[in-house]
């Protein structure tokens, strides 16, 4: 398990729609709006950097704890851009991983990269 980064992003609309039919859609939209705050660079396996423009998020599951914190497990898919020795060339590799988001009552969200063995 990775280390939580305190309040990586604010997901205030998602917390307001907790339990609603459109919760997953609102959550996905808010994550997309805050995609630059996701620690995707920790999922790059070839020393490259993430292309946030190619990010696709899939909500795998979510549950609400007794204290009102929403734990969201999601899969992320994106392109890792790898620089080369050529000034105008780079390589692209598909990348993916799993994240755990903890959304507090005020929308403050902690993000953890889940390590998969």
PDB file of N, CA and C in Angstrom:
ATOM      1  N   UNK A   1       0.833  -1.170   0.000  1.00  0.00           N
ATOM      2  CA  UNK A   1       0.000   0.000   0.000  1.00  0.00           C
ATOM      3  C   UNK A   1       0.886   1.244   0.000  1.00  0.00           C
ATOM      4  N   UNK A   2       0.448   2.256  -0.709  1.00  0.00           N
ATOM      5  CA  UNK A   2       1.186   3.507  -0.770  1.00  0.00           C
ATOM      6  C   UNK A   2       0.832   4.408   0.397  1.00  0.00           C
ATOM      7  N   UNK A   3       1.417   5.582   0.388  1.00  0.00           N
ATOM      8  CA  UNK A   3       1.191   6.556   1.444  1.00  0.00           C
ATOM      9  C   UNK A   3       0.126   7.543   0.985  1.00  0.00           C
ATOM     10  N   UNK A   4      -0.813   7.861   1.871  1.00  0.00           N
ATOM     11  CA  UNK A   4      -1.845   8.833   1.515  1.00  0.00           C
ATOM     12  C   UNK A   4      -1.252  10.220   1.427  1.00  0.00           C
ATOM     13  N   UNK A   5      -1.724  10.978   0.483  1.00  0.00           N
ATOM     14  CA  UNK A   5      -1.344  12.371   0.340  1.00  0.00           C
ATOM     15  C   UNK A   5      -2.567  13.176   0.764  1.00  0.00           C
ATOM     16  N   UNK A   6      -2.448  13.923   1.832  1.00  0.00           N
ATOM     17  CA  UNK A   6      -3.586  14.618   2.459  1.00  0.00           C
ATOM     18  C   UNK A   6      -4.233  15.608   1.509  1.00  0.00           C
ATOM     19  N   UNK A   7      -5.513  15.472   1.322  1.00  0.00           N
ATOM     20  CA  UNK A   7      -6.356  16.381   0.541  1.00  0.00           C
ATOM     21  C   UNK A   7      -5.756  16.698  -0.820  1.00  0.00           C
ATOM     22  N   UNK A   8      -5.615  15.668  -1.619  1.00  0.00           N
ATOM     23  CA  UNK A   8      -5.076  15.811  -2.955  1.00  0.00           C
ATOM     24  C   UNK A   8      -5.991  16.641  -3.843  1.00  0.00           C
ATOM     25  N   UNK A   9      -7.302  16.488  -3.638  1.00  0.00           N
ATOM     26  CA  UNK A   9      -8.273  17.224  -4.447  1.00  0.00           C
ATOM     27  C   UNK A   9      -9.564  17.385  -3.664  1.00  0.00           C
ATOM     28  N   UNK A  10     -10.408  18.308  -4.115  1.00  0.00           N
ATOM     29  CA  UNK A  10     -11.724  18.504  -3.514  1.00  0.00           C
ATOM     30  C   UNK A  10     -12.784  17.937  -4.443  1.00  0.00           C
ATOM     31  N   UNK A  11     -13.603  17.051  -3.915  1.00  0.00           N
ATOM     32  CA  UNK A  11     -14.697  16.463  -4.683  1.00  0.00           C
ATOM     33  C   UNK A  11     -16.017  16.811  -3.996  1.00  0.00           C
ATOM     34  N   UNK A  12     -16.325  18.088  -3.960  1.00  0.00           N
ATOM     35  CA  UNK A  12     -17.486  18.575  -3.210  1.00  0.00           C
ATOM     36  C   UNK A  12     -18.810  18.175  -3.841  1.00  0.00           C
ATOM     37  N   UNK A  13     -18.900  18.134  -5.160  1.00  0.00           N
ATOM     38  CA  UNK A  13     -20.157  17.733  -5.801  1.00  0.00           C
ATOM     39  C   UNK A  13     -20.439  16.255  -5.568  1.00  0.00           C
ATOM     40  N   UNK A  14     -19.399  15.455  -5.589  1.00  0.00           N
ATOM     41  CA  UNK A  14     -19.579  14.016  -5.369  1.00  0.00           C
ATOM     42  C   UNK A  14     -20.134  13.747  -3.977  1.00  0.00           C
ATOM     43  N   UNK A  15     -19.601  14.422  -2.981  1.00  0.00           N
ATOM     44  CA  UNK A  15     -20.052  14.182  -1.614  1.00  0.00           C
ATOM     45  C   UNK A  15     -21.517  14.596  -1.454  1.00  0.00           C
ATOM     46  N   UNK A  16     -21.941  15.610  -2.201  1.00  0.00           N
ATOM     47  CA  UNK A  16     -23.336  16.055  -2.143  1.00  0.00           C
ATOM     48  C   UNK A  16     -24.281  15.060  -2.815  1.00  0.00           C
ATOM     49  N   UNK A  17     -23.761  14.243  -3.720  1.00  0.00           N
ATOM     50  CA  UNK A  17     -24.589  13.273  -4.451  1.00  0.00           C
ATOM     51  C   UNK A  17     -24.429  11.843  -3.929  1.00  0.00           C
ATOM     52  N   UNK A  18     -23.842  11.721  -2.747  1.00  0.00           N
ATOM     53  CA  UNK A  18     -23.657  10.393  -2.150  1.00  0.00           C
ATOM     54  C   UNK A  18     -25.008   9.694  -2.039  1.00  0.00           C
ATOM     55  N   UNK A  19     -25.080   8.486  -2.539  1.00  0.00           N
ATOM     56  CA  UNK A  19     -26.310   7.710  -2.480  1.00  0.00           C
ATOM     57  C   UNK A  19     -27.273   7.961  -3.634  1.00  0.00           C
ATOM     58  N   UNK A  20     -27.010   8.961  -4.455  1.00  0.00           N
ATOM     59  CA  UNK A  20     -27.884   9.274  -5.587  1.00  0.00           C
ATOM     60  C   UNK A  20     -27.573   8.347  -6.760  1.00  0.00           C
ATOM     61  N   UNK A  21     -28.539   8.232  -7.654  1.00  0.00           N
ATOM     62  CA  UNK A  21     -28.372   7.373  -8.836  1.00  0.00           C
ATOM     63  C   UNK A  21     -27.224   7.835  -9.726  1.00  0.00           C
ATOM     64  N   UNK A  22     -26.970   9.143  -9.767  1.00  0.00           N
ATOM     65  CA  UNK A  22     -25.940   9.683 -10.655  1.00  0.00           C
ATOM     66  C   UNK A  22     -24.582   9.862  -9.961  1.00  0.00           C
ATOM     67  N   UNK A  23     -24.413   9.237  -8.783  1.00  0.00           N
ATOM     68  CA  UNK A  23     -23.173   9.411  -8.027  1.00  0.00           C
ATOM     69  C   UNK A  23     -21.939   9.049  -8.845  1.00  0.00           C
ATOM     70  N   UNK A  24     -21.943   7.876  -9.494  1.00  0.00           N
ATOM     71  CA  UNK A  24     -20.772   7.437 -10.271  1.00  0.00           C
ATOM     72  C   UNK A  24     -20.436   8.435 -11.383  1.00  0.00           C
ATOM     73  N   UNK A  25     -21.460   8.945 -12.070  1.00  0.00           N
ATOM     74  CA  UNK A  25     -21.230   9.911 -13.152  1.00  0.00           C
ATOM     75  C   UNK A  25     -20.637  11.211 -12.625  1.00  0.00           C
ATOM     76  N   UNK A  26     -21.181  11.710 -11.521  1.00  0.00           N
ATOM     77  CA  UNK A  26     -20.675  12.954 -10.917  1.00  0.00           C
ATOM     78  C   UNK A  26     -19.239  12.742 -10.448  1.00  0.00           C
ATOM     79  N   UNK A  27     -18.997  11.623  -9.797  1.00  0.00           N
ATOM     80  CA  UNK A  27     -17.655  11.318  -9.299  1.00  0.00           C
ATOM     81  C   UNK A  27     -16.653  11.240 -10.442  1.00  0.00           C
ATOM     82  N   UNK A  28     -17.003  10.532 -11.498  1.00  0.00           N
ATOM     83  CA  UNK A  28     -16.104  10.413 -12.658  1.00  0.00           C
ATOM     84  C   UNK A  28     -15.813  11.787 -13.263  1.00  0.00           C
ATOM     85  N   UNK A  29     -16.847  12.620 -13.377  1.00  0.00           N
ATOM     86  CA  UNK A  29     -16.658  13.957 -13.935  1.00  0.00           C
ATOM     87  C   UNK A  29     -15.732  14.801 -13.058  1.00  0.00           C
ATOM     88  N   UNK A  30     -15.934  14.735 -11.741  1.00  0.00           N
ATOM     89  CA  UNK A  30     -15.079  15.515 -10.842  1.00  0.00           C
ATOM     90  C   UNK A  30     -13.637  15.016 -10.854  1.00  0.00           C
ATOM     91  N   UNK A  31     -13.457  13.718 -10.919  1.00  0.00           N
ATOM     92  CA  UNK A  31     -12.097  13.177 -11.010  1.00  0.00           C
ATOM     93  C   UNK A  31     -11.449  13.660 -12.302  1.00  0.00           C
ATOM     94  N   UNK A  32     -12.197  13.637 -13.393  1.00  0.00           N
ATOM     95  CA  UNK A  32     -11.671  14.104 -14.671  1.00  0.00           C
ATOM     96  C   UNK A  32     -11.283  15.587 -14.599  1.00  0.00           C
ATOM     97  N   UNK A  33     -12.098  16.399 -13.950  1.00  0.00           N
ATOM     98  CA  UNK A  33     -11.799  17.827 -13.805  1.00  0.00           C
ATOM     99  C   UNK A  33     -10.547  18.058 -12.963  1.00  0.00           C
ATOM    100  N   UNK A  34     -10.220  17.116 -12.078  1.00  0.00           N
ATOM    101  CA  UNK A  34      -9.056  17.231 -11.192  1.00  0.00           C
ATOM    102  C   UNK A  34      -7.938  16.263 -11.563  1.00  0.00           C
ATOM    103  N   UNK A  35      -7.958  15.750 -12.792  1.00  0.00           N
ATOM    104  CA  UNK A  35      -7.031  14.687 -13.183  1.00  0.00           C
ATOM    105  C   UNK A  35      -5.569  15.045 -12.988  1.00  0.00           C
ATOM    106  N   UNK A  36      -5.215  16.312 -13.088  1.00  0.00           N
ATOM    107  CA  UNK A  36      -3.826  16.730 -12.887  1.00  0.00           C
ATOM    108  C   UNK A  36      -3.336  16.535 -11.466  1.00  0.00           C
ATOM    109  N   UNK A  37      -4.254  16.288 -10.537  1.00  0.00           N
ATOM    110  CA  UNK A  37      -3.888  16.067  -9.137  1.00  0.00           C
ATOM    111  C   UNK A  37      -3.713  14.592  -8.794  1.00  0.00           C
ATOM    112  N   UNK A  38      -4.016  13.717  -9.736  1.00  0.00           N
ATOM    113  CA  UNK A  38      -3.842  12.281  -9.484  1.00  0.00           C
ATOM    114  C   UNK A  38      -2.363  11.917  -9.622  1.00  0.00           C
ATOM    115  N   UNK A  39      -1.854  11.067  -8.756  1.00  0.00           N
ATOM    116  CA  UNK A  39      -0.428  10.696  -8.793  1.00  0.00           C
ATOM    117  C   UNK A  39      -0.118   9.632  -9.854  1.00  0.00           C
ATOM    118  N   UNK A  40      -0.479   9.909 -11.099  1.00  0.00           N
ATOM    119  CA  UNK A  40      -0.272   8.929 -12.175  1.00  0.00           C
ATOM    120  C   UNK A  40       1.204   8.652 -12.442  1.00  0.00           C
ATOM    121  N   UNK A  41       2.062   9.619 -12.146  1.00  0.00           N
ATOM    122  CA  UNK A  41       3.492   9.400 -12.397  1.00  0.00           C
ATOM    123  C   UNK A  41       4.011   8.207 -11.604  1.00  0.00           C
ATOM    124  N   UNK A  42       3.356   7.876 -10.503  1.00  0.00           N
ATOM    125  CA  UNK A  42       3.773   6.718  -9.707  1.00  0.00           C
ATOM    126  C   UNK A  42       3.389   5.405 -10.372  1.00  0.00           C
ATOM    127  N   UNK A  43       2.561   5.476 -11.417  1.00  0.00           N
ATOM    128  CA  UNK A  43       2.164   4.281 -12.155  1.00  0.00           C
ATOM    129  C   UNK A  43       2.941   4.114 -13.460  1.00  0.00           C
ATOM    130  N   UNK A  44       3.836   5.050 -13.754  1.00  0.00           N
ATOM    131  CA  UNK A  44       4.660   4.959 -14.967  1.00  0.00           C
ATOM    132  C   UNK A  44       5.787   3.961 -14.726  1.00  0.00           C
ATOM    133  N   UNK A  45       5.869   2.964 -15.572  1.00  0.00           N
ATOM    134  CA  UNK A  45       6.822   1.866 -15.358  1.00  0.00           C
ATOM    135  C   UNK A  45       8.101   1.981 -16.193  1.00  0.00           C
ATOM    136  N   UNK A  46       8.125   2.923 -17.132  1.00  0.00           N
ATOM    137  CA  UNK A  46       9.266   3.004 -18.042  1.00  0.00           C
ATOM    138  C   UNK A  46      10.058   4.304 -17.896  1.00  0.00           C
ATOM    139  N   UNK A  47       9.863   5.007 -16.794  1.00  0.00           N
ATOM    140  CA  UNK A  47      10.604   6.247 -16.567  1.00  0.00           C
ATOM    141  C   UNK A  47      10.045   7.437 -17.308  1.00  0.00           C
ATOM    142  N   UNK A  48       8.861   7.308 -17.865  1.00  0.00           N
ATOM    143  CA  UNK A  48       8.243   8.397 -18.604  1.00  0.00           C
ATOM    144  C   UNK A  48       7.346   9.241 -17.722  1.00  0.00           C
ATOM    145  N   UNK A  49       6.447   9.959 -18.354  1.00  0.00           N
ATOM    146  CA  UNK A  49       5.497  10.793 -17.625  1.00  0.00           C
ATOM    147  C   UNK A  49       4.100  10.534 -18.174  1.00  0.00           C
ATOM    148  N   UNK A  50       3.081  10.753 -17.345  1.00  0.00           N
ATOM    149  CA  UNK A  50       1.717  10.435 -17.773  1.00  0.00           C
ATOM    150  C   UNK A  50       1.145  11.493 -18.712  1.00  0.00           C
ATOM    151  N   UNK A  51       0.391  11.040 -19.666  1.00  0.00           N
ATOM    152  CA  UNK A  51      -0.389  11.944 -20.507  1.00  0.00           C
ATOM    153  C   UNK A  51      -1.778  12.013 -19.877  1.00  0.00           C
ATOM    154  N   UNK A  52      -2.045  13.115 -19.170  1.00  0.00           N
ATOM    155  CA  UNK A  52      -3.324  13.258 -18.480  1.00  0.00           C
ATOM    156  C   UNK A  52      -4.481  13.407 -19.463  1.00  0.00           C
ATOM    157  N   UNK A  53      -4.188  13.822 -20.684  1.00  0.00           N
ATOM    158  CA  UNK A  53      -5.234  13.983 -21.695  1.00  0.00           C
ATOM    159  C   UNK A  53      -5.836  12.646 -22.118  1.00  0.00           C
ATOM    160  N   UNK A  54      -5.089  11.566 -21.948  1.00  0.00           N
ATOM    161  CA  UNK A  54      -5.570  10.248 -22.367  1.00  0.00           C
ATOM    162  C   UNK A  54      -6.217   9.469 -21.223  1.00  0.00           C
ATOM    163  N   UNK A  55      -6.340  10.083 -20.062  1.00  0.00           N
ATOM    164  CA  UNK A  55      -6.830   9.386 -18.869  1.00  0.00           C
ATOM    165  C   UNK A  55      -8.268   8.911 -19.013  1.00  0.00           C
ATOM    166  N   UNK A  56      -8.479   7.661 -18.635  1.00  0.00           N
ATOM    167  CA  UNK A  56      -9.810   7.076 -18.542  1.00  0.00           C
ATOM    168  C   UNK A  56      -9.936   6.473 -17.141  1.00  0.00           C
ATOM    169  N   UNK A  57     -11.027   6.782 -16.462  1.00  0.00           N
ATOM    170  CA  UNK A  57     -11.240   6.316 -15.091  1.00  0.00           C
ATOM    171  C   UNK A  57     -12.456   5.403 -15.050  1.00  0.00           C
ATOM    172  N   UNK A  58     -12.306   4.270 -14.392  1.00  0.00           N
ATOM    173  CA  UNK A  58     -13.416   3.339 -14.195  1.00  0.00           C
ATOM    174  C   UNK A  58     -13.625   3.181 -12.691  1.00  0.00           C
ATOM    175  N   UNK A  59     -14.836   3.463 -12.215  1.00  0.00           N
ATOM    176  CA  UNK A  59     -15.157   3.295 -10.801  1.00  0.00           C
ATOM    177  C   UNK A  59     -15.426   1.810 -10.570  1.00  0.00           C
ATOM    178  N   UNK A  60     -14.562   1.156  -9.802  1.00  0.00           N
ATOM    179  CA  UNK A  60     -14.715  -0.274  -9.538  1.00  0.00           C
ATOM    180  C   UNK A  60     -15.705  -0.534  -8.405  1.00  0.00           C
ATOM    181  N   UNK A  61     -15.594   0.260  -7.334  1.00  0.00           N
ATOM    182  CA  UNK A  61     -16.506   0.098  -6.202  1.00  0.00           C
ATOM    183  C   UNK A  61     -16.434   1.332  -5.313  1.00  0.00           C
ATOM    184  N   UNK A  62     -17.449   1.507  -4.508  1.00  0.00           N
ATOM    185  CA  UNK A  62     -17.421   2.543  -3.482  1.00  0.00           C
ATOM    186  C   UNK A  62     -18.295   2.122  -2.317  1.00  0.00           C
ATOM    187  N   UNK A  63     -17.880   2.551  -1.142  1.00  0.00           N
ATOM    188  CA  UNK A  63     -18.663   2.254   0.057  1.00  0.00           C
ATOM    189  C   UNK A  63     -18.488   3.394   1.048  1.00  0.00           C
ATOM    190  N   UNK A  64     -19.502   3.578   1.875  1.00  0.00           N
ATOM    191  CA  UNK A  64     -19.497   4.642   2.870  1.00  0.00           C
ATOM    192  C   UNK A  64     -19.241   4.022   4.236  1.00  0.00           C
ATOM    193  N   UNK A  65     -18.238   4.558   4.944  1.00  0.00           N
ATOM    194  CA  UNK A  65     -17.938   4.062   6.286  1.00  0.00           C
ATOM    195  C   UNK A  65     -18.917   4.665   7.296  1.00  0.00           C
ATOM    196  N   UNK A  66     -18.881   4.186   8.520  1.00  0.00           N
ATOM    197  CA  UNK A  66     -19.765   4.674   9.572  1.00  0.00           C
ATOM    198  C   UNK A  66     -19.567   6.159   9.864  1.00  0.00           C
ATOM    199  N   UNK A  67     -18.352   6.653   9.639  1.00  0.00           N
ATOM    200  CA  UNK A  67     -18.085   8.072   9.907  1.00  0.00           C
ATOM    201  C   UNK A  67     -18.320   8.959   8.683  1.00  0.00           C
ATOM    202  N   UNK A  68     -18.937   8.414   7.632  1.00  0.00           N
ATOM    203  CA  UNK A  68     -19.331   9.216   6.475  1.00  0.00           C
ATOM    204  C   UNK A  68     -18.285   9.372   5.387  1.00  0.00           C
ATOM    205  N   UNK A  69     -17.134   8.738   5.536  1.00  0.00           N
ATOM    206  CA  UNK A  69     -16.088   8.816   4.516  1.00  0.00           C
ATOM    207  C   UNK A  69     -16.407   7.820   3.404  1.00  0.00           C
ATOM    208  N   UNK A  70     -16.330   8.295   2.164  1.00  0.00           N
ATOM    209  CA  UNK A  70     -16.578   7.423   1.014  1.00  0.00           C
ATOM    210  C   UNK A  70     -15.236   6.897   0.523  1.00  0.00           C
ATOM    211  N   UNK A  71     -15.103   5.584   0.469  1.00  0.00           N
ATOM    212  CA  UNK A  71     -13.905   4.966  -0.092  1.00  0.00           C
ATOM    213  C   UNK A  71     -14.230   4.498  -1.499  1.00  0.00           C
ATOM    214  N   UNK A  72     -13.479   4.994  -2.459  1.00  0.00           N
ATOM    215  CA  UNK A  72     -13.712   4.684  -3.869  1.00  0.00           C
ATOM    216  C   UNK A  72     -12.484   3.967  -4.419  1.00  0.00           C
ATOM    217  N   UNK A  73     -12.702   2.814  -4.979  1.00  0.00           N
ATOM    218  CA  UNK A  73     -11.630   2.096  -5.676  1.00  0.00           C
ATOM    219  C   UNK A  73     -11.872   2.279  -7.164  1.00  0.00           C
ATOM    220  N   UNK A  74     -10.819   2.697  -7.869  1.00  0.00           N
ATOM    221  CA  UNK A  74     -10.984   2.908  -9.299  1.00  0.00           C
ATOM    222  C   UNK A  74      -9.761   2.436 -10.065  1.00  0.00           C
ATOM    223  N   UNK A  75     -10.012   2.075 -11.310  1.00  0.00           N
ATOM    224  CA  UNK A  75      -8.953   1.706 -12.249  1.00  0.00           C
ATOM    225  C   UNK A  75      -8.700   2.907 -13.138  1.00  0.00           C
ATOM    226  N   UNK A  76      -7.439   3.155 -13.440  1.00  0.00           N
ATOM    227  CA  UNK A  76      -7.091   4.258 -14.329  1.00  0.00           C
ATOM    228  C   UNK A  76      -6.284   3.720 -15.506  1.00  0.00           C
ATOM    229  N   UNK A  77      -6.548   4.271 -16.670  1.00  0.00           N
ATOM    230  CA  UNK A  77      -5.866   3.888 -17.905  1.00  0.00           C
ATOM    231  C   UNK A  77      -5.397   5.168 -18.584  1.00  0.00           C
ATOM    232  N   UNK A  78      -4.147   5.186 -19.024  1.00  0.00           N
ATOM    233  CA  UNK A  78      -3.592   6.375 -19.657  1.00  0.00           C
ATOM    234  C   UNK A  78      -2.381   5.981 -20.492  1.00  0.00           C
ATOM    235  N   UNK A  79      -1.785   6.959 -21.134  1.00  0.00           N
ATOM    236  CA  UNK A  79      -0.583   6.735 -21.940  1.00  0.00           C
ATOM    237  C   UNK A  79       0.628   7.273 -21.200  1.00  0.00           C
ATOM    238  N   UNK A  80       1.668   6.457 -21.110  1.00  0.00           N
ATOM    239  CA  UNK A  80       2.943   6.918 -20.562  1.00  0.00           C
ATOM    240  C   UNK A  80       3.806   7.380 -21.734  1.00  0.00           C
ATOM    241  N   UNK A  81       4.284   8.607 -21.662  1.00  0.00           N
ATOM    242  CA  UNK A  81       5.128   9.178 -22.709  1.00  0.00           C
ATOM    243  C   UNK A  81       6.576   9.067 -22.257  1.00  0.00           C
ATOM    244  N   UNK A  82       7.383   8.418 -23.084  1.00  0.00           N
ATOM    245  CA  UNK A  82       8.784   8.148 -22.751  1.00  0.00           C
ATOM    246  C   UNK A  82       9.675   8.931 -23.704  1.00  0.00           C
ATOM    247  N   UNK A  83      10.501   9.785 -23.144  1.00  0.00           N
ATOM    248  CA  UNK A  83      11.420  10.582 -23.961  1.00  0.00           C
ATOM    249  C   UNK A  83      12.519   9.693 -24.536  1.00  0.00           C
ATOM    250  N   UNK A  84      13.062  10.138 -25.646  1.00  0.00           N
ATOM    251  CA  UNK A  84      14.174   9.401 -26.258  1.00  0.00           C
ATOM    252  C   UNK A  84      15.357  10.344 -26.403  1.00  0.00           C
ATOM    253  N   UNK A  85      16.429   9.860 -26.988  1.00  0.00           N
ATOM    254  CA  UNK A  85      17.603  10.704 -27.220  1.00  0.00           C
ATOM    255  C   UNK A  85      17.373  11.697 -28.343  1.00  0.00           C
ATOM    256  N   UNK A  86      16.337  11.512 -29.108  1.00  0.00           N
ATOM    257  CA  UNK A  86      15.996  12.408 -30.212  1.00  0.00           C
ATOM    258  C   UNK A  86      15.149  13.560 -29.667  1.00  0.00           C
ATOM    259  N   UNK A  87      15.458  14.770 -30.038  1.00  0.00           N
ATOM    260  CA  UNK A  87      14.760  15.947 -29.511  1.00  0.00           C
ATOM    261  C   UNK A  87      13.293  16.000 -29.920  1.00  0.00           C
ATOM    262  N   UNK A  88      12.939  15.390 -31.028  1.00  0.00           N
ATOM    263  CA  UNK A  88      11.563  15.468 -31.505  1.00  0.00           C
ATOM    264  C   UNK A  88      10.819  14.137 -31.414  1.00  0.00           C
ATOM    265  N   UNK A  89      11.474  13.123 -30.845  1.00  0.00           N
ATOM    266  CA  UNK A  89      10.862  11.795 -30.784  1.00  0.00           C
ATOM    267  C   UNK A  89      10.535  11.422 -29.341  1.00  0.00           C
ATOM    268  N   UNK A  90       9.467  10.701 -29.196  1.00  0.00           N
ATOM    269  CA  UNK A  90       9.138  10.082 -27.922  1.00  0.00           C
ATOM    270  C   UNK A  90       8.354   8.812 -28.222  1.00  0.00           C
ATOM    271  N   UNK A  91       8.281   7.973 -27.237  1.00  0.00           N
ATOM    272  CA  UNK A  91       7.560   6.715 -27.374  1.00  0.00           C
ATOM    273  C   UNK A  91       6.369   6.737 -26.428  1.00  0.00           C
ATOM    274  N   UNK A  92       5.332   6.031 -26.791  1.00  0.00           N
ATOM    275  CA  UNK A  92       4.153   5.954 -25.944  1.00  0.00           C
ATOM    276  C   UNK A  92       3.858   4.500 -25.606  1.00  0.00           C
ATOM    277  N   UNK A  93       3.552   4.276 -24.348  1.00  0.00           N
ATOM    278  CA  UNK A  93       3.194   2.938 -23.873  1.00  0.00           C
ATOM    279  C   UNK A  93       1.889   3.044 -23.095  1.00  0.00           C
ATOM    280  N   UNK A  94       1.003   2.067 -23.252  1.00  0.00           N
ATOM    281  CA  UNK A  94      -0.203   2.075 -22.429  1.00  0.00           C
ATOM    282  C   UNK A  94       0.164   1.827 -20.964  1.00  0.00           C
ATOM    283  N   UNK A  95      -0.521   2.502 -20.067  1.00  0.00           N
ATOM    284  CA  UNK A  95      -0.269   2.341 -18.634  1.00  0.00           C
ATOM    285  C   UNK A  95      -1.608   2.245 -17.911  1.00  0.00           C
ATOM    286  N   UNK A  96      -1.575   1.629 -16.747  1.00  0.00           N
ATOM    287  CA  UNK A  96      -2.786   1.520 -15.946  1.00  0.00           C
ATOM    288  C   UNK A  96      -2.414   1.265 -14.503  1.00  0.00           C
ATOM    289  N   UNK A  97      -3.406   1.336 -13.660  1.00  0.00           N
ATOM    290  CA  UNK A  97      -3.192   1.073 -12.244  1.00  0.00           C
ATOM    291  C   UNK A  97      -4.484   1.232 -11.476  1.00  0.00           C
ATOM    292  N   UNK A  98      -4.354   1.143 -10.168  1.00  0.00           N
ATOM    293  CA  UNK A  98      -5.509   1.218  -9.289  1.00  0.00           C
ATOM    294  C   UNK A  98      -5.284   2.298  -8.243  1.00  0.00           C
ATOM    295  N   UNK A  99      -6.338   3.046  -7.954  1.00  0.00           N
ATOM    296  CA  UNK A  99      -6.292   4.099  -6.952  1.00  0.00           C
ATOM    297  C   UNK A  99      -7.381   3.877  -5.921  1.00  0.00           C
ATOM    298  N   UNK A 100      -7.100   4.315  -4.705  1.00  0.00           N
ATOM    299  CA  UNK A 100      -8.093   4.352  -3.640  1.00  0.00           C
ATOM    300  C   UNK A 100      -8.265   5.812  -3.256  1.00  0.00           C
ATOM    301  N   UNK A 101      -9.486   6.307  -3.351  1.00  0.00           N
ATOM    302  CA  UNK A 101      -9.802   7.678  -2.974  1.00  0.00           C
ATOM    303  C   UNK A 101     -10.627   7.639  -1.704  1.00  0.00           C
ATOM    304  N   UNK A 102     -10.244   8.457  -0.734  1.00  0.00           N
ATOM    305  CA  UNK A 102     -11.022   8.600   0.496  1.00  0.00           C
ATOM    306  C   UNK A 102     -11.582  10.018   0.499  1.00  0.00           C
ATOM    307  N   UNK A 103     -12.906  10.100   0.317  1.00  0.00           N
ATOM    308  CA  UNK A 103     -13.580  11.385   0.222  1.00  0.00           C
ATOM    309  C   UNK A 103     -14.241  11.681   1.570  1.00  0.00           C
ATOM    310  N   UNK A 104     -13.760  12.731   2.240  1.00  0.00           N
ATOM    311  CA  UNK A 104     -14.309  13.099   3.545  1.00  0.00           C
ATOM    312  C   UNK A 104     -15.602  13.901   3.373  1.00  0.00           C
ATOM    313  N   UNK A 105     -16.277  14.182   4.468  1.00  0.00           N
ATOM    314  CA  UNK A 105     -17.566  14.867   4.441  1.00  0.00           C
ATOM    315  C   UNK A 105     -17.509  16.244   3.793  1.00  0.00           C
ATOM    316  N   UNK A 106     -16.354  16.909   3.872  1.00  0.00           N
ATOM    317  CA  UNK A 106     -16.204  18.238   3.270  1.00  0.00           C
ATOM    318  C   UNK A 106     -15.707  18.178   1.829  1.00  0.00           C
ATOM    319  N   UNK A 107     -15.541  16.976   1.290  1.00  0.00           N
ATOM    320  CA  UNK A 107     -15.070  16.800  -0.083  1.00  0.00           C
ATOM    321  C   UNK A 107     -13.567  16.653  -0.200  1.00  0.00           C
ATOM    322  N   UNK A 108     -12.848  16.916   0.888  1.00  0.00           N
ATOM    323  CA  UNK A 108     -11.391  16.748   0.885  1.00  0.00           C
ATOM    324  C   UNK A 108     -11.079  15.282   0.592  1.00  0.00           C
ATOM    325  N   UNK A 109     -10.249  15.052  -0.407  1.00  0.00           N
ATOM    326  CA  UNK A 109     -10.010  13.694  -0.888  1.00  0.00           C
ATOM    327  C   UNK A 109      -8.535  13.331  -0.817  1.00  0.00           C
ATOM    328  N   UNK A 110      -8.266  12.199  -0.204  1.00  0.00           N
ATOM    329  CA  UNK A 110      -6.922  11.634  -0.153  1.00  0.00           C
ATOM    330  C   UNK A 110      -6.833  10.566  -1.231  1.00  0.00           C
ATOM    331  N   UNK A 111      -5.691  10.499  -1.907  1.00  0.00           N
ATOM    332  CA  UNK A 111      -5.507   9.510  -2.975  1.00  0.00           C
ATOM    333  C   UNK A 111      -4.339   8.605  -2.631  1.00  0.00           C
ATOM    334  N   UNK A 112      -4.566   7.318  -2.814  1.00  0.00           N
ATOM    335  CA  UNK A 112      -3.525   6.329  -2.567  1.00  0.00           C
ATOM    336  C   UNK A 112      -3.390   5.467  -3.820  1.00  0.00           C
ATOM    337  N   UNK A 113      -2.148   5.255  -4.239  1.00  0.00           N
ATOM    338  CA  UNK A 113      -1.871   4.317  -5.341  1.00  0.00           C
ATOM    339  C   UNK A 113      -1.841   2.926  -4.717  1.00  0.00           C
ATOM    340  N   UNK A 114      -2.639   2.036  -5.258  1.00  0.00           N
ATOM    341  CA  UNK A 114      -2.662   0.666  -4.754  1.00  0.00           C
ATOM    342  C   UNK A 114      -1.644  -0.169  -5.530  1.00  0.00           C
ATOM    343  N   UNK A 115      -0.768  -0.791  -4.809  1.00  0.00           N
ATOM    344  CA  UNK A 115       0.256  -1.636  -5.422  1.00  0.00           C
ATOM    345  C   UNK A 115      -0.341  -3.016  -5.661  1.00  0.00           C
ATOM    346  N   UNK A 116      -0.116  -3.553  -6.849  1.00  0.00           N
ATOM    347  CA  UNK A 116      -0.612  -4.881  -7.178  1.00  0.00           C
ATOM    348  C   UNK A 116       0.579  -5.776  -7.454  1.00  0.00           C
ATOM    349  N   UNK A 117       0.648  -6.877  -6.742  1.00  0.00           N
ATOM    350  CA  UNK A 117       1.769  -7.816  -6.946  1.00  0.00           C
ATOM    351  C   UNK A 117       1.398  -8.875  -7.938  1.00  0.00           C
TER     352      UNK A 117
END
